Amino acid sequence: MNNEVLNSLIADAVYESILLLHRRHPQWIQEKLRSYPWERDDFKDKFTTQLSHKLSLNTETDNNFNRLLAVIKPFFLKDFFVSNYYIDLVRDFNL
């Protein structure tokens, strides 16, 4: 799988995780991000495109787990990282 496809898959998975948590556990999302229009398709497109681009620029991390962690850390509070949602996200990518 090439990096562009992988970056797109990671961006989509991060978006879906944020959307799910926004609905079920908004307290795990950084407060400033809670008011974003996560349900809108145009917002999803813009967000995932920007995130995919950011992933493509991230050359400092050499493995997929570190790349994923680097992009999701700014979005979530620490409680997310000890939740089953985080475990599922990592497991989905076999990281």
PDB file of N, CA and C in Angstrom:
ATOM      1  N   MET A   1       0.854  -1.178   0.000  1.00  0.00           N
ATOM      2  CA  MET A   1       0.000   0.000   0.000  1.00  0.00           C
ATOM      3  C   MET A   1       0.897   1.237   0.000  1.00  0.00           C
ATOM      4  N   ASN A   2       0.623   2.170  -0.891  1.00  0.00           N
ATOM      5  CA  ASN A   2       1.474   3.359  -0.941  1.00  0.00           C
ATOM      6  C   ASN A   2       1.090   4.341   0.173  1.00  0.00           C
ATOM      7  N   ASN A   3       1.982   5.266   0.439  1.00  0.00           N
ATOM      8  CA  ASN A   3       1.787   6.202   1.547  1.00  0.00           C
ATOM      9  C   ASN A   3       0.559   7.080   1.375  1.00  0.00           C
ATOM     10  N   GLU A   4       0.249   7.474   0.159  1.00  0.00           N
ATOM     11  CA  GLU A   4      -0.908   8.337  -0.077  1.00  0.00           C
ATOM     12  C   GLU A   4      -2.208   7.636   0.328  1.00  0.00           C
ATOM     13  N   VAL A   5      -2.331   6.383  -0.039  1.00  0.00           N
ATOM     14  CA  VAL A   5      -3.520   5.603   0.320  1.00  0.00           C
ATOM     15  C   VAL A   5      -3.563   5.386   1.826  1.00  0.00           C
ATOM     16  N   LEU A   6      -2.423   5.040   2.412  1.00  0.00           N
ATOM     17  CA  LEU A   6      -2.356   4.829   3.855  1.00  0.00           C
ATOM     18  C   LEU A   6      -2.708   6.108   4.613  1.00  0.00           C
ATOM     19  N   ASN A   7      -2.181   7.238   4.167  1.00  0.00           N
ATOM     20  CA  ASN A   7      -2.488   8.516   4.810  1.00  0.00           C
ATOM     21  C   ASN A   7      -3.978   8.823   4.743  1.00  0.00           C
ATOM     22  N   SER A   8      -4.585   8.528   3.623  1.00  0.00           N
ATOM     23  CA  SER A   8      -6.010   8.753   3.462  1.00  0.00           C
ATOM     24  C   SER A   8      -6.818   7.846   4.392  1.00  0.00           C
ATOM     25  N   LEU A   9      -6.420   6.592   4.498  1.00  0.00           N
ATOM     26  CA  LEU A   9      -7.102   5.661   5.402  1.00  0.00           C
ATOM     27  C   LEU A   9      -6.971   6.093   6.858  1.00  0.00           C
ATOM     28  N   ILE A  10      -5.789   6.524   7.236  1.00  0.00           N
ATOM     29  CA  ILE A  10      -5.576   6.993   8.609  1.00  0.00           C
ATOM     30  C   ILE A  10      -6.418   8.235   8.873  1.00  0.00           C
ATOM     31  N   ALA A  11      -6.436   9.173   7.936  1.00  0.00           N
ATOM     32  CA  ALA A  11      -7.217  10.401   8.105  1.00  0.00           C
ATOM     33  C   ALA A  11      -8.703  10.084   8.252  1.00  0.00           C
ATOM     34  N   ASP A  12      -9.201   9.164   7.441  1.00  0.00           N
ATOM     35  CA  ASP A  12     -10.613   8.766   7.543  1.00  0.00           C
ATOM     36  C   ASP A  12     -10.906   8.112   8.889  1.00  0.00           C
ATOM     37  N   ALA A  13     -10.015   7.244   9.341  1.00  0.00           N
ATOM     38  CA  ALA A  13     -10.222   6.558  10.622  1.00  0.00           C
ATOM     39  C   ALA A  13     -10.178   7.543  11.790  1.00  0.00           C
ATOM     40  N   VAL A  14      -9.275   8.497  11.729  1.00  0.00           N
ATOM     41  CA  VAL A  14      -9.210   9.516  12.779  1.00  0.00           C
ATOM     42  C   VAL A  14     -10.491  10.331  12.783  1.00  0.00           C
ATOM     43  N   TYR A  15     -10.944  10.717  11.614  1.00  0.00           N
ATOM     44  CA  TYR A  15     -12.182  11.492  11.523  1.00  0.00           C
ATOM     45  C   TYR A  15     -13.355  10.706  12.111  1.00  0.00           C
ATOM     46  N   GLU A  16     -13.489   9.451  11.714  1.00  0.00           N
ATOM     47  CA  GLU A  16     -14.593   8.629  12.210  1.00  0.00           C
ATOM     48  C   GLU A  16     -14.504   8.447  13.721  1.00  0.00           C
ATOM     49  N   SER A  17     -13.299   8.333  14.251  1.00  0.00           N
ATOM     50  CA  SER A  17     -13.123   8.222  15.702  1.00  0.00           C
ATOM     51  C   SER A  17     -13.559   9.497  16.404  1.00  0.00           C
ATOM     52  N   ILE A  18     -13.165  10.625  15.848  1.00  0.00           N
ATOM     53  CA  ILE A  18     -13.567  11.901  16.436  1.00  0.00           C
ATOM     54  C   ILE A  18     -15.078  12.057  16.379  1.00  0.00           C
ATOM     55  N   LEU A  19     -15.669  11.714  15.244  1.00  0.00           N
ATOM     56  CA  LEU A  19     -17.114  11.819  15.092  1.00  0.00           C
ATOM     57  C   LEU A  19     -17.834  10.935  16.107  1.00  0.00           C
ATOM     58  N   LEU A  20     -17.389   9.710  16.257  1.00  0.00           N
ATOM     59  CA  LEU A  20     -17.993   8.795  17.223  1.00  0.00           C
ATOM     60  C   LEU A  20     -17.855   9.324  18.649  1.00  0.00           C
ATOM     61  N   LEU A  21     -16.670   9.792  18.981  1.00  0.00           N
ATOM     62  CA  LEU A  21     -16.461  10.319  20.326  1.00  0.00           C
ATOM     63  C   LEU A  21     -17.226  11.620  20.541  1.00  0.00           C
ATOM     64  N   HIS A  22     -17.351  12.407  19.513  1.00  0.00           N
ATOM     65  CA  HIS A  22     -18.124  13.642  19.620  1.00  0.00           C
ATOM     66  C   HIS A  22     -19.559  13.328  20.021  1.00  0.00           C
ATOM     67  N   ARG A  23     -20.068  12.228  19.506  1.00  0.00           N
ATOM     68  CA  ARG A  23     -21.437  11.804  19.824  1.00  0.00           C
ATOM     69  C   ARG A  23     -21.534  11.150  21.201  1.00  0.00           C
ATOM     70  N   ARG A  24     -20.572  10.301  21.536  1.00  0.00           N
ATOM     71  CA  ARG A  24     -20.686   9.468  22.741  1.00  0.00           C
ATOM     72  C   ARG A  24     -19.918   9.986  23.950  1.00  0.00           C
ATOM     73  N   HIS A  25     -18.744  10.555  23.718  1.00  0.00           N
ATOM     74  CA  HIS A  25     -17.881  11.011  24.822  1.00  0.00           C
ATOM     75  C   HIS A  25     -17.212  12.342  24.458  1.00  0.00           C
ATOM     76  N   PRO A  26     -17.995  13.383  24.286  1.00  0.00           N
ATOM     77  CA  PRO A  26     -17.382  14.660  23.888  1.00  0.00           C
ATOM     78  C   PRO A  26     -16.351  15.180  24.893  1.00  0.00           C
ATOM     79  N   GLN A  27     -16.428  14.716  26.110  1.00  0.00           N
ATOM     80  CA  GLN A  27     -15.478  15.159  27.128  1.00  0.00           C
ATOM     81  C   GLN A  27     -14.054  14.679  26.849  1.00  0.00           C
ATOM     82  N   TRP A  28     -13.884  13.713  25.951  1.00  0.00           N
ATOM     83  CA  TRP A  28     -12.556  13.216  25.601  1.00  0.00           C
ATOM     84  C   TRP A  28     -11.917  14.009  24.474  1.00  0.00           C
ATOM     85  N   ILE A  29     -12.668  14.907  23.866  1.00  0.00           N
ATOM     86  CA  ILE A  29     -12.156  15.723  22.760  1.00  0.00           C
ATOM     87  C   ILE A  29     -11.736  17.081  23.315  1.00  0.00           C
ATOM     88  N   GLN A  30     -10.663  17.603  22.772  1.00  0.00           N
ATOM     89  CA  GLN A  30     -10.220  18.932  23.200  1.00  0.00           C
ATOM     90  C   GLN A  30     -11.394  19.908  23.106  1.00  0.00           C
ATOM     91  N   GLU A  31     -11.559  20.719  24.119  1.00  0.00           N
ATOM     92  CA  GLU A  31     -12.729  21.591  24.219  1.00  0.00           C
ATOM     93  C   GLU A  31     -12.918  22.482  22.997  1.00  0.00           C
ATOM     94  N   LYS A  32     -11.854  23.038  22.485  1.00  0.00           N
ATOM     95  CA  LYS A  32     -11.986  23.949  21.339  1.00  0.00           C
ATOM     96  C   LYS A  32     -12.500  23.243  20.086  1.00  0.00           C
ATOM     97  N   LEU A  33     -12.389  21.915  20.033  1.00  0.00           N
ATOM     98  CA  LEU A  33     -12.817  21.157  18.859  1.00  0.00           C
ATOM     99  C   LEU A  33     -14.248  20.657  18.957  1.00  0.00           C
ATOM    100  N   ARG A  34     -14.843  20.754  20.108  1.00  0.00           N
ATOM    101  CA  ARG A  34     -16.191  20.204  20.317  1.00  0.00           C
ATOM    102  C   ARG A  34     -17.260  20.927  19.510  1.00  0.00           C
ATOM    103  N   SER A  35     -17.043  22.183  19.199  1.00  0.00           N
ATOM    104  CA  SER A  35     -18.060  22.949  18.478  1.00  0.00           C
ATOM    105  C   SER A  35     -17.902  22.884  16.960  1.00  0.00           C
ATOM    106  N   TYR A  36     -16.906  22.163  16.484  1.00  0.00           N
ATOM    107  CA  TYR A  36     -16.719  22.039  15.038  1.00  0.00           C
ATOM    108  C   TYR A  36     -17.886  21.265  14.424  1.00  0.00           C
ATOM    109  N   PRO A  37     -18.216  21.523  13.179  1.00  0.00           N
ATOM    110  CA  PRO A  37     -19.362  20.858  12.524  1.00  0.00           C
ATOM    111  C   PRO A  37     -19.011  19.454  12.017  1.00  0.00           C
ATOM    112  N   TRP A  38     -18.724  18.535  12.913  1.00  0.00           N
ATOM    113  CA  TRP A  38     -18.252  17.201  12.564  1.00  0.00           C
ATOM    114  C   TRP A  38     -19.223  16.419  11.689  1.00  0.00           C
ATOM    115  N   GLU A  39     -20.497  16.736  11.754  1.00  0.00           N
ATOM    116  CA  GLU A  39     -21.516  15.985  11.007  1.00  0.00           C
ATOM    117  C   GLU A  39     -21.602  16.389   9.523  1.00  0.00           C
ATOM    118  N   ARG A  40     -21.025  17.506   9.165  1.00  0.00           N
ATOM    119  CA  ARG A  40     -21.150  18.020   7.793  1.00  0.00           C
ATOM    120  C   ARG A  40     -20.150  17.356   6.854  1.00  0.00           C
ATOM    121  N   ASP A  41     -20.625  16.947   5.689  1.00  0.00           N
ATOM    122  CA  ASP A  41     -19.764  16.291   4.696  1.00  0.00           C
ATOM    123  C   ASP A  41     -18.656  17.202   4.190  1.00  0.00           C
ATOM    124  N   ASP A  42     -18.961  18.476   3.992  1.00  0.00           N
ATOM    125  CA  ASP A  42     -17.921  19.382   3.498  1.00  0.00           C
ATOM    126  C   ASP A  42     -16.818  19.568   4.538  1.00  0.00           C
ATOM    127  N   PHE A  43     -17.193  19.556   5.809  1.00  0.00           N
ATOM    128  CA  PHE A  43     -16.181  19.658   6.866  1.00  0.00           C
ATOM    129  C   PHE A  43     -15.334  18.387   6.892  1.00  0.00           C
ATOM    130  N   LYS A  44     -15.976  17.238   6.757  1.00  0.00           N
ATOM    131  CA  LYS A  44     -15.247  15.966   6.733  1.00  0.00           C
ATOM    132  C   LYS A  44     -14.225  15.960   5.599  1.00  0.00           C
ATOM    133  N   ASP A  45     -14.648  16.368   4.415  1.00  0.00           N
ATOM    134  CA  ASP A  45     -13.744  16.391   3.261  1.00  0.00           C
ATOM    135  C   ASP A  45     -12.547  17.296   3.506  1.00  0.00           C
ATOM    136  N   LYS A  46     -12.813  18.475   4.003  1.00  0.00           N
ATOM    137  CA  LYS A  46     -11.729  19.432   4.273  1.00  0.00           C
ATOM    138  C   LYS A  46     -10.789  18.900   5.359  1.00  0.00           C
ATOM    139  N   PHE A  47     -11.373  18.369   6.431  1.00  0.00           N
ATOM    140  CA  PHE A  47     -10.582  17.863   7.547  1.00  0.00           C
ATOM    141  C   PHE A  47      -9.690  16.698   7.113  1.00  0.00           C
ATOM    142  N   THR A  48     -10.266  15.709   6.449  1.00  0.00           N
ATOM    143  CA  THR A  48      -9.483  14.531   6.068  1.00  0.00           C
ATOM    144  C   THR A  48      -8.426  14.864   5.016  1.00  0.00           C
ATOM    145  N   THR A  49      -8.733  15.792   4.134  1.00  0.00           N
ATOM    146  CA  THR A  49      -7.736  16.216   3.146  1.00  0.00           C
ATOM    147  C   THR A  49      -6.553  16.885   3.833  1.00  0.00           C
ATOM    148  N   GLN A  50      -6.842  17.787   4.763  1.00  0.00           N
ATOM    149  CA  GLN A  50      -5.763  18.470   5.482  1.00  0.00           C
ATOM    150  C   GLN A  50      -4.963  17.506   6.351  1.00  0.00           C
ATOM    151  N   LEU A  51      -5.662  16.586   7.005  1.00  0.00           N
ATOM    152  CA  LEU A  51      -4.971  15.629   7.858  1.00  0.00           C
ATOM    153  C   LEU A  51      -4.102  14.684   7.029  1.00  0.00           C
ATOM    154  N   SER A  52      -4.603  14.244   5.905  1.00  0.00           N
ATOM    155  CA  SER A  52      -3.828  13.384   5.018  1.00  0.00           C
ATOM    156  C   SER A  52      -2.570  14.109   4.537  1.00  0.00           C
ATOM    157  N   HIS A  53      -2.725  15.374   4.204  1.00  0.00           N
ATOM    158  CA  HIS A  53      -1.568  16.169   3.792  1.00  0.00           C
ATOM    159  C   HIS A  53      -0.563  16.297   4.934  1.00  0.00           C
ATOM    160  N   LYS A  54      -1.055  16.537   6.135  1.00  0.00           N
ATOM    161  CA  LYS A  54      -0.172  16.650   7.294  1.00  0.00           C
ATOM    162  C   LYS A  54       0.585  15.344   7.520  1.00  0.00           C
ATOM    163  N   LEU A  55      -0.092  14.232   7.350  1.00  0.00           N
ATOM    164  CA  LEU A  55       0.575  12.937   7.484  1.00  0.00           C
ATOM    165  C   LEU A  55       1.680  12.766   6.454  1.00  0.00           C
ATOM    166  N   SER A  56       1.449  13.262   5.261  1.00  0.00           N
ATOM    167  CA  SER A  56       2.455  13.114   4.207  1.00  0.00           C
ATOM    168  C   SER A  56       3.705  13.950   4.497  1.00  0.00           C
ATOM    169  N   LEU A  57       3.546  15.000   5.279  1.00  0.00           N
ATOM    170  CA  LEU A  57       4.682  15.848   5.631  1.00  0.00           C
ATOM    171  C   LEU A  57       5.456  15.316   6.828  1.00  0.00           C
ATOM    172  N   ASN A  58       4.847  14.415   7.554  1.00  0.00           N
ATOM    173  CA  ASN A  58       5.441  13.901   8.778  1.00  0.00           C
ATOM    174  C   ASN A  58       6.444  12.807   8.452  1.00  0.00           C
ATOM    175  N   THR A  59       7.678  13.217   8.234  1.00  0.00           N
ATOM    176  CA  THR A  59       8.718  12.258   7.876  1.00  0.00           C
ATOM    177  C   THR A  59       9.603  11.901   9.062  1.00  0.00           C
ATOM    178  N   GLU A  60       9.397  12.562  10.190  1.00  0.00           N
ATOM    179  CA  GLU A  60      10.227  12.287  11.358  1.00  0.00           C
ATOM    180  C   GLU A  60       9.905  10.938  11.993  1.00  0.00           C
ATOM    181  N   THR A  61       8.691  10.506  11.872  1.00  0.00           N
ATOM    182  CA  THR A  61       8.309   9.226  12.463  1.00  0.00           C
ATOM    183  C   THR A  61       8.360   8.154  11.401  1.00  0.00           C
ATOM    184  N   ASP A  62       9.017   7.062  11.749  1.00  0.00           N
ATOM    185  CA  ASP A  62       9.273   6.054  10.732  1.00  0.00           C
ATOM    186  C   ASP A  62       8.300   4.889  10.752  1.00  0.00           C
ATOM    187  N   ASN A  63       7.395   4.848  11.708  1.00  0.00           N
ATOM    188  CA  ASN A  63       6.437   3.749  11.674  1.00  0.00           C
ATOM    189  C   ASN A  63       5.013   4.283  11.781  1.00  0.00           C
ATOM    190  N   ASN A  64       4.081   3.459  11.374  1.00  0.00           N
ATOM    191  CA  ASN A  64       2.693   3.897  11.288  1.00  0.00           C
ATOM    192  C   ASN A  64       2.090   4.235  12.645  1.00  0.00           C
ATOM    193  N   PHE A  65       2.467   3.506  13.679  1.00  0.00           N
ATOM    194  CA  PHE A  65       1.940   3.805  15.007  1.00  0.00           C
ATOM    195  C   PHE A  65       2.332   5.210  15.437  1.00  0.00           C
ATOM    196  N   ASN A  66       3.592   5.560  15.285  1.00  0.00           N
ATOM    197  CA  ASN A  66       4.049   6.902  15.670  1.00  0.00           C
ATOM    198  C   ASN A  66       3.404   7.982  14.819  1.00  0.00           C
ATOM    199  N   ARG A  67       3.180   7.686  13.549  1.00  0.00           N
ATOM    200  CA  ARG A  67       2.516   8.651  12.674  1.00  0.00           C
ATOM    201  C   ARG A  67       1.083   8.879  13.139  1.00  0.00           C
ATOM    202  N   LEU A  68       0.384   7.775  13.449  1.00  0.00           N
ATOM    203  CA  LEU A  68      -0.989   7.890  13.932  1.00  0.00           C
ATOM    204  C   LEU A  68      -1.033   8.664  15.241  1.00  0.00           C
ATOM    205  N   LEU A  69      -0.180   8.308  16.169  1.00  0.00           N
ATOM    206  CA  LEU A  69      -0.152   8.979  17.468  1.00  0.00           C
ATOM    207  C   LEU A  69       0.152  10.469  17.315  1.00  0.00           C
ATOM    208  N   ALA A  70       1.064  10.798  16.436  1.00  0.00           N
ATOM    209  CA  ALA A  70       1.437  12.201  16.233  1.00  0.00           C
ATOM    210  C   ALA A  70       0.262  13.049  15.753  1.00  0.00           C
ATOM    211  N   VAL A  71      -0.613  12.457  14.948  1.00  0.00           N
ATOM    212  CA  VAL A  71      -1.718  13.258  14.427  1.00  0.00           C
ATOM    213  C   VAL A  71      -2.940  13.274  15.338  1.00  0.00           C
ATOM    214  N   ILE A  72      -3.111  12.255  16.169  1.00  0.00           N
ATOM    215  CA  ILE A  72      -4.315  12.262  17.013  1.00  0.00           C
ATOM    216  C   ILE A  72      -4.113  12.919  18.365  1.00  0.00           C
ATOM    217  N   LYS A  73      -2.890  13.014  18.819  1.00  0.00           N
ATOM    218  CA  LYS A  73      -2.642  13.607  20.137  1.00  0.00           C
ATOM    219  C   LYS A  73      -3.269  14.987  20.311  1.00  0.00           C
ATOM    220  N   PRO A  74      -3.188  15.872  19.328  1.00  0.00           N
ATOM    221  CA  PRO A  74      -3.761  17.211  19.534  1.00  0.00           C
ATOM    222  C   PRO A  74      -5.287  17.233  19.649  1.00  0.00           C
ATOM    223  N   PHE A  75      -5.950  16.168  19.247  1.00  0.00           N
ATOM    224  CA  PHE A  75      -7.406  16.169  19.229  1.00  0.00           C
ATOM    225  C   PHE A  75      -8.045  15.660  20.519  1.00  0.00           C
ATOM    226  N   PHE A  76      -7.368  14.755  21.198  1.00  0.00           N
ATOM    227  CA  PHE A  76      -7.996  14.060  22.313  1.00  0.00           C
ATOM    228  C   PHE A  76      -7.354  14.387  23.651  1.00  0.00           C
ATOM    229  N   LEU A  77      -8.153  14.267  24.695  1.00  0.00           N
ATOM    230  CA  LEU A  77      -7.668  14.389  26.059  1.00  0.00           C
ATOM    231  C   LEU A  77      -7.138  13.026  26.505  1.00  0.00           C
ATOM    232  N   LYS A  78      -6.380  13.017  27.587  1.00  0.00           N
ATOM    233  CA  LYS A  78      -5.693  11.787  27.991  1.00  0.00           C
ATOM    234  C   LYS A  78      -6.639  10.622  28.276  1.00  0.00           C
ATOM    235  N   ASP A  79      -7.851  10.869  28.696  1.00  0.00           N
ATOM    236  CA  ASP A  79      -8.788   9.780  28.974  1.00  0.00           C
ATOM    237  C   ASP A  79      -9.061   8.918  27.745  1.00  0.00           C
ATOM    238  N   PHE A  80      -9.012   9.519  26.582  1.00  0.00           N
ATOM    239  CA  PHE A  80      -9.219   8.759  25.346  1.00  0.00           C
ATOM    240  C   PHE A  80      -8.158   7.678  25.182  1.00  0.00           C
ATOM    241  N   PHE A  81      -6.931   7.974  25.547  1.00  0.00           N
ATOM    242  CA  PHE A  81      -5.814   7.072  25.292  1.00  0.00           C
ATOM    243  C   PHE A  81      -5.794   5.849  26.215  1.00  0.00           C
ATOM    244  N   VAL A  82      -6.693   5.798  27.175  1.00  0.00           N
ATOM    245  CA  VAL A  82      -6.830   4.611  28.018  1.00  0.00           C
ATOM    246  C   VAL A  82      -8.188   3.953  27.801  1.00  0.00           C
ATOM    247  N   SER A  83      -8.840   4.313  26.716  1.00  0.00           N
ATOM    248  CA  SER A  83     -10.177   3.792  26.427  1.00  0.00           C
ATOM    249  C   SER A  83     -10.120   2.665  25.397  1.00  0.00           C
ATOM    250  N   ASN A  84     -11.206   1.928  25.314  1.00  0.00           N
ATOM    251  CA  ASN A  84     -11.318   0.877  24.295  1.00  0.00           C
ATOM    252  C   ASN A  84     -11.379   1.466  22.894  1.00  0.00           C
ATOM    253  N   TYR A  85     -11.855   2.704  22.758  1.00  0.00           N
ATOM    254  CA  TYR A  85     -11.915   3.342  21.446  1.00  0.00           C
ATOM    255  C   TYR A  85     -10.511   3.501  20.863  1.00  0.00           C
ATOM    256  N   TYR A  86      -9.570   3.896  21.705  1.00  0.00           N
ATOM    257  CA  TYR A  86      -8.186   4.038  21.263  1.00  0.00           C
ATOM    258  C   TYR A  86      -7.608   2.675  20.892  1.00  0.00           C
ATOM    259  N   ILE A  87      -7.845   1.697  21.730  1.00  0.00           N
ATOM    260  CA  ILE A  87      -7.356   0.340  21.466  1.00  0.00           C
ATOM    261  C   ILE A  87      -7.919  -0.173  20.143  1.00  0.00           C
ATOM    262  N   ASP A  88      -9.202   0.054  19.910  1.00  0.00           N
ATOM    263  CA  ASP A  88      -9.822  -0.374  18.659  1.00  0.00           C
ATOM    264  C   ASP A  88      -9.228   0.338  17.448  1.00  0.00           C
ATOM    265  N   LEU A  89      -8.974   1.628  17.593  1.00  0.00           N
ATOM    266  CA  LEU A  89      -8.390   2.390  16.488  1.00  0.00           C
ATOM    267  C   LEU A  89      -7.019   1.836  16.123  1.00  0.00           C
ATOM    268  N   VAL A  90      -6.203   1.585  17.113  1.00  0.00           N
ATOM    269  CA  VAL A  90      -4.867   1.042  16.865  1.00  0.00           C
ATOM    270  C   VAL A  90      -4.970  -0.369  16.290  1.00  0.00           C
ATOM    271  N   ARG A  91      -5.859  -1.168  16.826  1.00  0.00           N
ATOM    272  CA  ARG A  91      -6.032  -2.543  16.344  1.00  0.00           C
ATOM    273  C   ARG A  91      -6.521  -2.562  14.897  1.00  0.00           C
ATOM    274  N   ASP A  92      -7.379  -1.615  14.527  1.00  0.00           N
ATOM    275  CA  ASP A  92      -7.879  -1.557  13.153  1.00  0.00           C
ATOM    276  C   ASP A  92      -6.751  -1.403  12.137  1.00  0.00           C
ATOM    277  N   PHE A  93      -5.689  -0.788  12.538  1.00  0.00           N
ATOM    278  CA  PHE A  93      -4.554  -0.586  11.637  1.00  0.00           C
ATOM    279  C   PHE A  93      -3.436  -1.585  11.881  1.00  0.00           C
ATOM    280  N   ASN A  94      -3.689  -2.561  12.741  1.00  0.00           N
ATOM    281  CA  ASN A  94      -2.678  -3.572  13.067  1.00  0.00           C
ATOM    282  C   ASN A  94      -1.353  -2.925  13.473  1.00  0.00           C
ATOM    283  N   LEU A  95      -1.468  -1.899  14.302  1.00  0.00           N
ATOM    284  CA  LEU A  95      -0.266  -1.177  14.706  1.00  0.00           C
ATOM    285  C   LEU A  95       0.227  -1.755  16.001  1.00  0.00           C
TER     286      LEU A  95
END
